[in-house]
Amino acid sequence: DFAIPKSKLQPKKIELAEMLINAASEAKFDIGDYTDRYQQRVHELIEMKKRGQEIVRPEEPEEPRVINLMEALRQSVAKAKGERPKRAKAHGKKASHPPARRRKRA
């Protein structure tokens, strides 16, 4: 069992809690206010298939271009300062030369 410690509740806090609960629970949820577009589309596709119509799969949307916000900010600041903005390094590409080797101590 979990024991809840007794504490003195302030009437203003109780009133506020009751107001919040009543405000949140005033609107009744009615499923009829919403439509299931997925189910609607499935039914449309079934009807098209029954009528012998060809169902064509829609093209996949293009992947959105992802912007590196930090690099865009650096370029913007460099542009505002009148400097030539540096190009972002491509991720996943190997360096044009191998890393320097450490010298062995004698």
C-alpha atoms as a PDB file:
ATOM      1  CA  ASP A   1       0.000   0.000   0.000  1.00  0.00           C
ATOM      2  CA  PHE A   2       1.029   3.540  -0.707  1.00  0.00           C
ATOM      3  CA  ALA A   3       0.498   5.946   2.157  1.00  0.00           C
ATOM      4  CA  ILE A   4      -0.472   9.457   1.149  1.00  0.00           C
ATOM      5  CA  PRO A   5       0.766  11.956   3.688  1.00  0.00           C
ATOM      6  CA  LYS A   6      -1.878  14.204   5.173  1.00  0.00           C
ATOM      7  CA  SER A   7      -1.536  17.852   4.345  1.00  0.00           C
ATOM      8  CA  LYS A   8      -3.630  20.915   4.795  1.00  0.00           C
ATOM      9  CA  LEU A   9      -5.239  21.888   1.486  1.00  0.00           C
ATOM     10  CA  GLN A  10      -5.781  25.520   0.748  1.00  0.00           C
ATOM     11  CA  PRO A  11      -9.357  26.316  -0.348  1.00  0.00           C
ATOM     12  CA  LYS A  12      -8.113  28.461  -3.285  1.00  0.00           C
ATOM     13  CA  LYS A  13      -6.083  25.550  -4.646  1.00  0.00           C
ATOM     14  CA  ILE A  14      -9.027  23.178  -4.342  1.00  0.00           C
ATOM     15  CA  GLU A  15     -11.269  25.677  -6.141  1.00  0.00           C
ATOM     16  CA  LEU A  16      -8.687  26.087  -8.919  1.00  0.00           C
ATOM     17  CA  ALA A  17      -8.338  22.311  -9.308  1.00  0.00           C
ATOM     18  CA  GLU A  18     -12.118  21.901  -9.536  1.00  0.00           C
ATOM     19  CA  MET A  19     -12.323  24.665 -12.165  1.00  0.00           C
ATOM     20  CA  LEU A  20      -9.613  23.010 -14.267  1.00  0.00           C
ATOM     21  CA  ILE A  21     -11.273  19.596 -14.060  1.00  0.00           C
ATOM     22  CA  ASN A  22     -14.698  21.012 -14.953  1.00  0.00           C
ATOM     23  CA  ALA A  23     -13.300  23.060 -17.848  1.00  0.00           C
ATOM     24  CA  ALA A  24     -11.513  20.042 -19.277  1.00  0.00           C
ATOM     25  CA  SER A  25     -14.521  17.761 -18.976  1.00  0.00           C
ATOM     26  CA  GLU A  26     -17.281  20.099 -20.223  1.00  0.00           C
ATOM     27  CA  ALA A  27     -17.006  19.145 -23.880  1.00  0.00           C
ATOM     28  CA  LYS A  28     -18.320  15.678 -24.562  1.00  0.00           C
ATOM     29  CA  PHE A  29     -16.415  13.569 -27.064  1.00  0.00           C
ATOM     30  CA  ASP A  30     -18.558  12.634 -30.059  1.00  0.00           C
ATOM     31  CA  ILE A  31     -16.964  10.234 -32.520  1.00  0.00           C
ATOM     32  CA  GLY A  32     -19.470  11.425 -35.124  1.00  0.00           C
ATOM     33  CA  ASP A  33     -17.621  14.737 -35.315  1.00  0.00           C
ATOM     34  CA  TYR A  34     -14.694  12.950 -36.943  1.00  0.00           C
ATOM     35  CA  THR A  35     -14.335  11.032 -40.191  1.00  0.00           C
ATOM     36  CA  ASP A  36     -12.002   8.140 -40.808  1.00  0.00           C
ATOM     37  CA  ARG A  37     -10.415   9.205 -44.085  1.00  0.00           C
ATOM     38  CA  TYR A  38      -8.281   6.077 -44.280  1.00  0.00           C
ATOM     39  CA  GLN A  39     -11.302   3.801 -44.041  1.00  0.00           C
ATOM     40  CA  GLN A  40     -13.141   6.013 -46.533  1.00  0.00           C
ATOM     41  CA  ARG A  41     -10.296   5.703 -49.038  1.00  0.00           C
ATOM     42  CA  VAL A  42     -10.116   1.916 -48.601  1.00  0.00           C
ATOM     43  CA  HIS A  43     -13.850   1.648 -49.346  1.00  0.00           C
ATOM     44  CA  GLU A  44     -13.409   3.837 -52.445  1.00  0.00           C
ATOM     45  CA  LEU A  45     -10.593   1.601 -53.667  1.00  0.00           C
ATOM     46  CA  ILE A  46     -12.701  -1.526 -53.086  1.00  0.00           C
ATOM     47  CA  GLU A  47     -15.571  -0.024 -55.083  1.00  0.00           C
ATOM     48  CA  MET A  48     -13.193   0.918 -57.912  1.00  0.00           C
ATOM     49  CA  LYS A  49     -11.859  -2.636 -57.953  1.00  0.00           C
ATOM     50  CA  LYS A  50     -15.417  -4.050 -58.068  1.00  0.00           C
ATOM     51  CA  ARG A  51     -16.211  -1.869 -61.096  1.00  0.00           C
ATOM     52  CA  GLY A  52     -13.073  -3.139 -62.813  1.00  0.00           C
ATOM     53  CA  GLN A  53     -11.294   0.196 -62.741  1.00  0.00           C
ATOM     54  CA  GLU A  54      -7.530   0.215 -62.647  1.00  0.00           C
ATOM     55  CA  ILE A  55      -6.076   1.300 -59.334  1.00  0.00           C
ATOM     56  CA  VAL A  56      -2.942   3.358 -59.779  1.00  0.00           C
ATOM     57  CA  ARG A  57      -0.605   3.732 -56.859  1.00  0.00           C
ATOM     58  CA  PRO A  58       0.210   7.402 -56.230  1.00  0.00           C
ATOM     59  CA  GLU A  59       3.806   8.503 -56.610  1.00  0.00           C
ATOM     60  CA  GLU A  60       5.876   8.680 -53.458  1.00  0.00           C
ATOM     61  CA  PRO A  61       6.436  12.269 -52.376  1.00  0.00           C
ATOM     62  CA  GLU A  62       9.989  13.575 -52.684  1.00  0.00           C
ATOM     63  CA  GLU A  63      12.068  13.556 -49.557  1.00  0.00           C
ATOM     64  CA  PRO A  64      12.233  17.057 -48.136  1.00  0.00           C
ATOM     65  CA  ARG A  65      15.548  18.833 -48.362  1.00  0.00           C
ATOM     66  CA  VAL A  66      17.118  18.765 -44.908  1.00  0.00           C
ATOM     67  CA  ILE A  67      18.861  21.955 -43.930  1.00  0.00           C
ATOM     68  CA  ASN A  68      21.708  22.006 -41.436  1.00  0.00           C
ATOM     69  CA  LEU A  69      20.581  24.953 -39.314  1.00  0.00           C
ATOM     70  CA  MET A  70      23.983  25.546 -37.730  1.00  0.00           C
ATOM     71  CA  GLU A  71      25.684  25.693 -41.135  1.00  0.00           C
ATOM     72  CA  ALA A  72      22.977  28.020 -42.473  1.00  0.00           C
ATOM     73  CA  LEU A  73      23.488  30.272 -39.443  1.00  0.00           C
ATOM     74  CA  ARG A  74      27.277  30.313 -39.954  1.00  0.00           C
ATOM     75  CA  GLN A  75      26.826  31.243 -43.608  1.00  0.00           C
ATOM     76  CA  SER A  76      24.334  33.945 -42.716  1.00  0.00           C
ATOM     77  CA  VAL A  77      26.671  35.454 -40.112  1.00  0.00           C
ATOM     78  CA  ALA A  78      29.623  35.283 -42.517  1.00  0.00           C
ATOM     79  CA  LYS A  79      27.541  36.962 -45.215  1.00  0.00           C
ATOM     80  CA  ALA A  80      26.488  39.712 -42.791  1.00  0.00           C
ATOM     81  CA  LYS A  81      30.137  40.298 -41.856  1.00  0.00           C
ATOM     82  CA  GLY A  82      31.100  40.449 -45.513  1.00  0.00           C
ATOM     83  CA  GLU A  83      33.191  37.286 -45.352  1.00  0.00           C
ATOM     84  CA  ARG A  84      33.123  34.550 -47.916  1.00  0.00           C
ATOM     85  CA  PRO A  85      31.002  31.721 -46.468  1.00  0.00           C
ATOM     86  CA  LYS A  86      32.719  28.365 -46.076  1.00  0.00           C
ATOM     87  CA  ARG A  87      31.175  25.380 -47.776  1.00  0.00           C
ATOM     88  CA  ALA A  88      29.847  22.606 -45.554  1.00  0.00           C
ATOM     89  CA  LYS A  89      31.827  19.402 -45.558  1.00  0.00           C
ATOM     90  CA  ALA A  90      30.016  16.468 -47.104  1.00  0.00           C
ATOM     91  CA  HIS A  91      29.207  13.770 -44.597  1.00  0.00           C
ATOM     92  CA  GLY A  92      30.178  10.203 -45.350  1.00  0.00           C
ATOM     93  CA  LYS A  93      32.961  11.081 -47.811  1.00  0.00           C
ATOM     94  CA  LYS A  94      36.522  10.039 -47.127  1.00  0.00           C
ATOM     95  CA  ALA A  95      39.230  12.630 -46.722  1.00  0.00           C
ATOM     96  CA  SER A  96      41.388  13.301 -49.782  1.00  0.00           C
ATOM     97  CA  HIS A  97      44.480  12.255 -47.842  1.00  0.00           C
ATOM     98  CA  PRO A  98      45.038   9.792 -45.001  1.00  0.00           C
ATOM     99  CA  PRO A  99      45.361  11.156 -41.464  1.00  0.00           C
ATOM    100  CA  ALA A 100      48.851  11.997 -40.222  1.00  0.00           C
ATOM    101  CA  ARG A 101      50.660   9.235 -38.371  1.00  0.00           C
ATOM    102  CA  ARG A 102      51.996   9.694 -34.866  1.00  0.00           C
ATOM    103  CA  ARG A 103      55.722   9.567 -34.425  1.00  0.00           C
ATOM    104  CA  LYS A 104      57.147   6.889 -32.221  1.00  0.00           C
ATOM    105  CA  ARG A 105      59.088   8.100 -29.217  1.00  0.00           C
ATOM    106  CA  ALA A 106      62.659   6.903 -28.923  1.00  0.00           C
END
